[in-house]
Structures are given as C-alpha cells and as structure tokens.
Amino acid sequence: LVAEGKLDEALIDDAVKRILRVKFKMGLF
C-alpha cells in the first residue's frame, strides 16, 4: 500500500512509535 501511494508511511510511523513507546516504558530496551 505504501509502495503504491495508497497509504502514507507517516500513519505506519505513528503506529510503530506507539508500540515502541510501550516497550520503552516496560524497560524492555
């Protein structure tokens, strides 16, 4: 979808940031 221009990668970035944020808060890094 990103390659075809149907989905802005910024939306994926937002989702991944949210997932990483929880992992950092849990001390997993």
PDB file of all heavy atoms in Angstrom:
ATOM      1  N   LEU A   1       0.820  -1.211   0.000  1.00  0.00           N
ATOM      2  CA  LEU A   1       0.000   0.000   0.000  1.00  0.00           C
ATOM      3  C   LEU A   1       0.856   1.263   0.000  1.00  0.00           C
ATOM      4  O   LEU A   1       0.543   2.240  -0.694  1.00  0.00           O
ATOM      5  CB  LEU A   1      -0.932  -0.009   1.219  1.00  0.00           C
ATOM      6  CG  LEU A   1      -2.083  -1.012   1.176  1.00  0.00           C
ATOM      7  CD1 LEU A   1      -2.681  -1.205   2.561  1.00  0.00           C
ATOM      8  CD2 LEU A   1      -3.160  -0.533   0.189  1.00  0.00           C
ATOM      9  N   VAL A   2       1.943   1.231   0.771  1.00  0.00           N
ATOM     10  CA  VAL A   2       2.849   2.379   0.785  1.00  0.00           C
ATOM     11  C   VAL A   2       3.532   2.531  -0.577  1.00  0.00           C
ATOM     12  O   VAL A   2       3.640   3.642  -1.121  1.00  0.00           O
ATOM     13  CB  VAL A   2       3.897   2.242   1.910  1.00  0.00           C
ATOM     14  CG1 VAL A   2       4.955   3.339   1.803  1.00  0.00           C
ATOM     15  CG2 VAL A   2       3.220   2.311   3.276  1.00  0.00           C
ATOM     16  N   ALA A   3       3.988   1.431  -1.137  1.00  0.00           N
ATOM     17  CA  ALA A   3       4.681   1.467  -2.432  1.00  0.00           C
ATOM     18  C   ALA A   3       3.778   2.014  -3.534  1.00  0.00           C
ATOM     19  O   ALA A   3       4.242   2.711  -4.446  1.00  0.00           O
ATOM     20  CB  ALA A   3       5.177   0.072  -2.795  1.00  0.00           C
ATOM     21  N   GLU A   4       2.480   1.712  -3.440  1.00  0.00           N
ATOM     22  CA  GLU A   4       1.537   2.164  -4.459  1.00  0.00           C
ATOM     23  C   GLU A   4       1.009   3.564  -4.180  1.00  0.00           C
ATOM     24  O   GLU A   4       0.198   4.092  -4.957  1.00  0.00           O
ATOM     25  CB  GLU A   4       0.371   1.179  -4.562  1.00  0.00           C
ATOM     26  CG  GLU A   4       0.779  -0.196  -5.083  1.00  0.00           C
ATOM     27  CD  GLU A   4      -0.374  -1.187  -5.077  1.00  0.00           C
ATOM     28  OE1 GLU A   4      -1.434  -0.870  -4.483  1.00  0.00           O
ATOM     29  OE2 GLU A   4      -0.209  -2.283  -5.659  1.00  0.00           O
ATOM     30  N   GLY A   5       1.443   4.161  -3.078  1.00  0.00           N
ATOM     31  CA  GLY A   5       0.995   5.503  -2.744  1.00  0.00           C
ATOM     32  C   GLY A   5      -0.408   5.580  -2.177  1.00  0.00           C
ATOM     33  O   GLY A   5      -0.986   6.666  -2.066  1.00  0.00           O
ATOM     34  N   LYS A   6      -0.964   4.439  -1.788  1.00  0.00           N
ATOM     35  CA  LYS A   6      -2.315   4.420  -1.220  1.00  0.00           C
ATOM     36  C   LYS A   6      -2.323   4.663   0.288  1.00  0.00           C
ATOM     37  O   LYS A   6      -3.378   4.890   0.873  1.00  0.00           O
ATOM     38  CB  LYS A   6      -2.983   3.074  -1.523  1.00  0.00           C
ATOM     39  CG  LYS A   6      -3.221   2.824  -3.002  1.00  0.00           C
ATOM     40  CD  LYS A   6      -3.871   1.460  -3.217  1.00  0.00           C
ATOM     41  CE  LYS A   6      -4.125   1.218  -4.704  1.00  0.00           C
ATOM     42  NZ  LYS A   6      -4.727  -0.124  -4.942  1.00  0.00           N
ATOM     43  N   LEU A   7      -1.141   4.578   0.903  1.00  0.00           N
ATOM     44  CA  LEU A   7      -1.042   4.728   2.357  1.00  0.00           C
ATOM     45  C   LEU A   7       0.180   5.573   2.674  1.00  0.00           C
ATOM     46  O   LEU A   7       1.282   5.288   2.198  1.00  0.00           O
ATOM     47  CB  LEU A   7      -0.926   3.342   3.014  1.00  0.00           C
ATOM     48  CG  LEU A   7      -1.019   3.284   4.534  1.00  0.00           C
ATOM     49  CD1 LEU A   7      -2.412   3.693   5.003  1.00  0.00           C
ATOM     50  CD2 LEU A   7      -0.702   1.871   5.031  1.00  0.00           C
ATOM     51  N   ASP A   8      -0.036   6.605   3.462  1.00  0.00           N
ATOM     52  CA  ASP A   8       1.054   7.477   3.889  1.00  0.00           C
ATOM     53  C   ASP A   8       1.882   6.752   4.945  1.00  0.00           C
ATOM     54  O   ASP A   8       1.344   6.279   5.949  1.00  0.00           O
ATOM     55  CB  ASP A   8       0.473   8.769   4.454  1.00  0.00           C
ATOM     56  CG  ASP A   8       1.533   9.829   4.714  1.00  0.00           C
ATOM     57  OD1 ASP A   8       2.720   9.479   4.842  1.00  0.00           O
ATOM     58  OD2 ASP A   8       1.152  11.010   4.816  1.00  0.00           O
ATOM     59  N   GLU A   9       3.197   6.677   4.727  1.00  0.00           N
ATOM     60  CA  GLU A   9       4.060   5.988   5.686  1.00  0.00           C
ATOM     61  C   GLU A   9       4.013   6.647   7.058  1.00  0.00           C
ATOM     62  O   GLU A   9       4.325   6.007   8.071  1.00  0.00           O
ATOM     63  CB  GLU A   9       5.497   5.943   5.170  1.00  0.00           C
ATOM     64  CG  GLU A   9       6.413   5.040   5.994  1.00  0.00           C
ATOM     65  CD  GLU A   9       7.776   4.828   5.370  1.00  0.00           C
ATOM     66  OE1 GLU A   9       7.949   5.153   4.161  1.00  0.00           O
ATOM     67  OE2 GLU A   9       8.675   4.316   6.067  1.00  0.00           O
ATOM     68  N   ALA A  10       3.612   7.901   7.113  1.00  0.00           N
ATOM     69  CA  ALA A  10       3.508   8.590   8.403  1.00  0.00           C
ATOM     70  C   ALA A  10       2.504   7.895   9.323  1.00  0.00           C
ATOM     71  O   ALA A  10       2.667   7.905  10.548  1.00  0.00           O
ATOM     72  CB  ALA A  10       3.103  10.049   8.192  1.00  0.00           C
ATOM     73  N   LEU A  11       1.468   7.269   8.760  1.00  0.00           N
ATOM     74  CA  LEU A  11       0.498   6.534   9.578  1.00  0.00           C
ATOM     75  C   LEU A  11       1.144   5.294  10.184  1.00  0.00           C
ATOM     76  O   LEU A  11       0.868   4.928  11.332  1.00  0.00           O
ATOM     77  CB  LEU A  11      -0.716   6.147   8.734  1.00  0.00           C
ATOM     78  CG  LEU A  11      -1.631   7.294   8.290  1.00  0.00           C
ATOM     79  CD1 LEU A  11      -2.709   6.774   7.357  1.00  0.00           C
ATOM     80  CD2 LEU A  11      -2.258   7.990   9.493  1.00  0.00           C
ATOM     81  N   ILE A  12       2.001   4.645   9.411  1.00  0.00           N
ATOM     82  CA  ILE A  12       2.736   3.494   9.940  1.00  0.00           C
ATOM     83  C   ILE A  12       3.717   3.957  11.009  1.00  0.00           C
ATOM     84  O   ILE A  12       3.855   3.320  12.064  1.00  0.00           O
ATOM     85  CB  ILE A  12       3.445   2.752   8.793  1.00  0.00           C
ATOM     86  CG1 ILE A  12       2.396   2.055   7.913  1.00  0.00           C
ATOM     87  CG2 ILE A  12       4.458   1.735   9.334  1.00  0.00           C
ATOM     88  CD1 ILE A  12       2.961   1.339   6.726  1.00  0.00           C
ATOM     89  N   ASP A  13       4.369   5.075  10.775  1.00  0.00           N
ATOM     90  CA  ASP A  13       5.295   5.618  11.776  1.00  0.00           C
ATOM     91  C   ASP A  13       4.584   5.892  13.096  1.00  0.00           C
ATOM     92  O   ASP A  13       5.113   5.605  14.177  1.00  0.00           O
ATOM     93  CB  ASP A  13       5.929   6.910  11.259  1.00  0.00           C
ATOM     94  CG  ASP A  13       6.946   6.669  10.151  1.00  0.00           C
ATOM     95  OD1 ASP A  13       7.309   5.497   9.920  1.00  0.00           O
ATOM     96  OD2 ASP A  13       7.382   7.650   9.527  1.00  0.00           O
ATOM     97  N   ASP A  14       3.386   6.440  13.008  1.00  0.00           N
ATOM     98  CA  ASP A  14       2.621   6.730  14.225  1.00  0.00           C
ATOM     99  C   ASP A  14       2.322   5.454  15.000  1.00  0.00           C
ATOM    100  O   ASP A  14       2.478   5.397  16.228  1.00  0.00           O
ATOM    101  CB  ASP A  14       1.313   7.440  13.879  1.00  0.00           C
ATOM    102  CG  ASP A  14       0.435   7.671  15.095  1.00  0.00           C
ATOM    103  OD1 ASP A  14       0.820   8.462  15.975  1.00  0.00           O
ATOM    104  OD2 ASP A  14      -0.638   7.038  15.170  1.00  0.00           O
ATOM    105  N   ALA A  15       1.899   4.411  14.288  1.00  0.00           N
ATOM    106  CA  ALA A  15       1.594   3.135  14.941  1.00  0.00           C
ATOM    107  C   ALA A  15       2.840   2.539  15.587  1.00  0.00           C
ATOM    108  O   ALA A  15       2.807   2.078  16.742  1.00  0.00           O
ATOM    109  CB  ALA A  15       1.003   2.156  13.930  1.00  0.00           C
ATOM    110  N   VAL A  16       3.950   2.544  14.876  1.00  0.00           N
ATOM    111  CA  VAL A  16       5.182   1.948  15.395  1.00  0.00           C
ATOM    112  C   VAL A  16       5.698   2.730  16.594  1.00  0.00           C
ATOM    113  O   VAL A  16       6.166   2.145  17.578  1.00  0.00           O
ATOM    114  CB  VAL A  16       6.247   1.873  14.281  1.00  0.00           C
ATOM    115  CG1 VAL A  16       7.577   1.359  14.838  1.00  0.00           C
ATOM    116  CG2 VAL A  16       5.770   0.959  13.161  1.00  0.00           C
ATOM    117  N   LYS A  17       5.612   4.047  16.544  1.00  0.00           N
ATOM    118  CA  LYS A  17       6.037   4.862  17.683  1.00  0.00           C
ATOM    119  C   LYS A  17       5.239   4.498  18.928  1.00  0.00           C
ATOM    120  O   LYS A  17       5.781   4.426  20.035  1.00  0.00           O
ATOM    121  CB  LYS A  17       5.884   6.346  17.362  1.00  0.00           C
ATOM    122  CG  LYS A  17       6.921   6.884  16.394  1.00  0.00           C
ATOM    123  CD  LYS A  17       6.656   8.327  16.014  1.00  0.00           C
ATOM    124  CE  LYS A  17       6.906   9.267  17.183  1.00  0.00           C
ATOM    125  NZ  LYS A  17       6.841  10.681  16.759  1.00  0.00           N
ATOM    126  N   ARG A  18       3.962   4.257  18.756  1.00  0.00           N
ATOM    127  CA  ARG A  18       3.109   3.898  19.893  1.00  0.00           C
ATOM    128  C   ARG A  18       3.538   2.549  20.480  1.00  0.00           C
ATOM    129  O   ARG A  18       3.570   2.377  21.708  1.00  0.00           O
ATOM    130  CB  ARG A  18       1.640   3.857  19.460  1.00  0.00           C
ATOM    131  CG  ARG A  18       1.068   5.222  19.153  1.00  0.00           C
ATOM    132  CD  ARG A  18      -0.332   5.159  18.565  1.00  0.00           C
ATOM    133  NE  ARG A  18      -0.877   6.495  18.390  1.00  0.00           N
ATOM    134  CZ  ARG A  18      -1.470   7.209  19.346  1.00  0.00           C
ATOM    135  NH1 ARG A  18      -1.637   6.676  20.554  1.00  0.00           N
ATOM    136  NH2 ARG A  18      -1.907   8.414  19.116  1.00  0.00           N
ATOM    137  N   ILE A  19       3.854   1.606  19.615  1.00  0.00           N
ATOM    138  CA  ILE A  19       4.293   0.285  20.077  1.00  0.00           C
ATOM    139  C   ILE A  19       5.651   0.389  20.764  1.00  0.00           C
ATOM    140  O   ILE A  19       5.853  -0.172  21.859  1.00  0.00           O
ATOM    141  CB  ILE A  19       4.340  -0.697  18.891  1.00  0.00           C
ATOM    142  CG1 ILE A  19       2.920  -0.937  18.349  1.00  0.00           C
ATOM    143  CG2 ILE A  19       4.983  -2.023  19.304  1.00  0.00           C
ATOM    144  CD1 ILE A  19       2.882  -1.588  16.977  1.00  0.00           C
ATOM    145  N   LEU A  20       6.573   1.112  20.171  1.00  0.00           N
ATOM    146  CA  LEU A  20       7.896   1.287  20.779  1.00  0.00           C
ATOM    147  C   LEU A  20       7.794   2.004  22.121  1.00  0.00           C
ATOM    148  O   LEU A  20       8.527   1.685  23.066  1.00  0.00           O
ATOM    149  CB  LEU A  20       8.803   2.080  19.832  1.00  0.00           C
ATOM    150  CG  LEU A  20       9.170   1.430  18.498  1.00  0.00           C
ATOM    151  CD1 LEU A  20      10.011   2.382  17.655  1.00  0.00           C
ATOM    152  CD2 LEU A  20       9.912   0.115  18.717  1.00  0.00           C
ATOM    153  N   ARG A  21       6.901   2.985  22.197  1.00  0.00           N
ATOM    154  CA  ARG A  21       6.734   3.742  23.442  1.00  0.00           C
ATOM    155  C   ARG A  21       6.387   2.810  24.606  1.00  0.00           C
ATOM    156  O   ARG A  21       6.942   2.930  25.698  1.00  0.00           O
ATOM    157  CB  ARG A  21       5.644   4.789  23.252  1.00  0.00           C
ATOM    158  CG  ARG A  21       5.458   5.726  24.437  1.00  0.00           C
ATOM    159  CD  ARG A  21       4.354   6.730  24.145  1.00  0.00           C
ATOM    160  NE  ARG A  21       4.737   7.630  23.077  1.00  0.00           N
ATOM    161  CZ  ARG A  21       4.019   7.852  21.963  1.00  0.00           C
ATOM    162  NH1 ARG A  21       2.880   7.194  21.779  1.00  0.00           N
ATOM    163  NH2 ARG A  21       4.428   8.700  21.053  1.00  0.00           N
ATOM    164  N   VAL A  22       5.461   1.890  24.364  1.00  0.00           N
ATOM    165  CA  VAL A  22       5.080   0.945  25.422  1.00  0.00           C
ATOM    166  C   VAL A  22       6.262   0.048  25.789  1.00  0.00           C
ATOM    167  O   VAL A  22       6.521  -0.221  26.962  1.00  0.00           O
ATOM    168  CB  VAL A  22       3.861   0.111  24.982  1.00  0.00           C
ATOM    169  CG1 VAL A  22       3.602  -1.031  25.970  1.00  0.00           C
ATOM    170  CG2 VAL A  22       2.619   1.005  24.871  1.00  0.00           C
ATOM    171  N   LYS A  23       7.007  -0.398  24.790  1.00  0.00           N
ATOM    172  CA  LYS A  23       8.158  -1.267  25.064  1.00  0.00           C
ATOM    173  C   LYS A  23       9.224  -0.538  25.868  1.00  0.00           C
ATOM    174  O   LYS A  23       9.863  -1.119  26.763  1.00  0.00           O
ATOM    175  CB  LYS A  23       8.729  -1.808  23.750  1.00  0.00           C
ATOM    176  CG  LYS A  23       7.793  -2.786  23.041  1.00  0.00           C
ATOM    177  CD  LYS A  23       8.415  -3.359  21.768  1.00  0.00           C
ATOM    178  CE  LYS A  23       7.480  -4.378  21.120  1.00  0.00           C
ATOM    179  NZ  LYS A  23       8.067  -5.021  19.932  1.00  0.00           N
ATOM    180  N   PHE A  24       9.430   0.742  25.555  1.00  0.00           N
ATOM    181  CA  PHE A  24      10.384   1.516  26.350  1.00  0.00           C
ATOM    182  C   PHE A  24       9.889   1.683  27.782  1.00  0.00           C
ATOM    183  O   PHE A  24      10.654   1.541  28.744  1.00  0.00           O
ATOM    184  CB  PHE A  24      10.620   2.889  25.713  1.00  0.00           C
ATOM    185  CG  PHE A  24      11.771   2.930  24.760  1.00  0.00           C
ATOM    186  CD1 PHE A  24      11.571   3.111  23.401  1.00  0.00           C
ATOM    187  CD2 PHE A  24      13.072   2.783  25.225  1.00  0.00           C
ATOM    188  CE1 PHE A  24      12.635   3.146  22.515  1.00  0.00           C
ATOM    189  CE2 PHE A  24      14.155   2.813  24.344  1.00  0.00           C
ATOM    190  CZ  PHE A  24      13.930   2.999  22.991  1.00  0.00           C
ATOM    191  N   LYS A  25       8.605   1.981  27.943  1.00  0.00           N
ATOM    192  CA  LYS A  25       8.053   2.164  29.285  1.00  0.00           C
ATOM    193  C   LYS A  25       8.149   0.883  30.108  1.00  0.00           C
ATOM    194  O   LYS A  25       8.284   0.931  31.334  1.00  0.00           O
ATOM    195  CB  LYS A  25       6.597   2.626  29.196  1.00  0.00           C
ATOM    196  CG  LYS A  25       6.441   4.064  28.729  1.00  0.00           C
ATOM    197  CD  LYS A  25       4.971   4.471  28.695  1.00  0.00           C
ATOM    198  CE  LYS A  25       4.816   5.933  28.297  1.00  0.00           C
ATOM    199  NZ  LYS A  25       3.395   6.351  28.254  1.00  0.00           N
ATOM    200  N   MET A  26       8.083  -0.247  29.441  1.00  0.00           N
ATOM    201  CA  MET A  26       8.206  -1.527  30.135  1.00  0.00           C
ATOM    202  C   MET A  26       9.656  -1.863  30.466  1.00  0.00           C
ATOM    203  O   MET A  26       9.921  -2.840  31.170  1.00  0.00           O
ATOM    204  CB  MET A  26       7.594  -2.647  29.290  1.00  0.00           C
ATOM    205  CG  MET A  26       6.089  -2.535  29.112  1.00  0.00           C
ATOM    206  SD  MET A  26       5.407  -3.757  27.960  1.00  0.00           S
ATOM    207  CE  MET A  26       5.598  -5.259  28.921  1.00  0.00           C
ATOM    208  N   GLY A  27      10.593  -1.075  29.952  1.00  0.00           N
ATOM    209  CA  GLY A  27      12.008  -1.322  30.233  1.00  0.00           C
ATOM    210  C   GLY A  27      12.618  -2.421  29.404  1.00  0.00           C
ATOM    211  O   GLY A  27      13.701  -2.919  29.716  1.00  0.00           O
ATOM    212  N   LEU A  28      11.958  -2.798  28.308  1.00  0.00           N
ATOM    213  CA  LEU A  28      12.439  -3.926  27.510  1.00  0.00           C
ATOM    214  C   LEU A  28      13.697  -3.590  26.718  1.00  0.00           C
ATOM    215  O   LEU A  28      14.509  -4.473  26.440  1.00  0.00           O
ATOM    216  CB  LEU A  28      11.332  -4.400  26.568  1.00  0.00           C
ATOM    217  CG  LEU A  28      10.217  -5.219  27.228  1.00  0.00           C
ATOM    218  CD1 LEU A  28       9.024  -5.355  26.300  1.00  0.00           C
ATOM    219  CD2 LEU A  28      10.730  -6.578  27.648  1.00  0.00           C
ATOM    220  N   PHE A  29      13.867  -2.339  26.337  1.00  0.00           N
ATOM    221  CA  PHE A  29      15.087  -1.979  25.605  1.00  0.00           C
ATOM    222  C   PHE A  29      16.307  -2.032  26.519  1.00  0.00           C
ATOM    223  O   PHE A  29      17.412  -2.335  26.082  1.00  0.00           O
ATOM    224  CB  PHE A  29      14.937  -0.594  24.979  1.00  0.00           C
ATOM    225  CG  PHE A  29      14.177  -0.602  23.690  1.00  0.00           C
ATOM    226  CD1 PHE A  29      12.800  -0.439  23.679  1.00  0.00           C
ATOM    227  CD2 PHE A  29      14.831  -0.796  22.491  1.00  0.00           C
ATOM    228  CE1 PHE A  29      12.092  -0.455  22.495  1.00  0.00           C
ATOM    229  CE2 PHE A  29      14.133  -0.813  21.289  1.00  0.00           C
ATOM    230  CZ  PHE A  29      12.753  -0.647  21.289  1.00  0.00           C
TER     231      PHE A  29
END
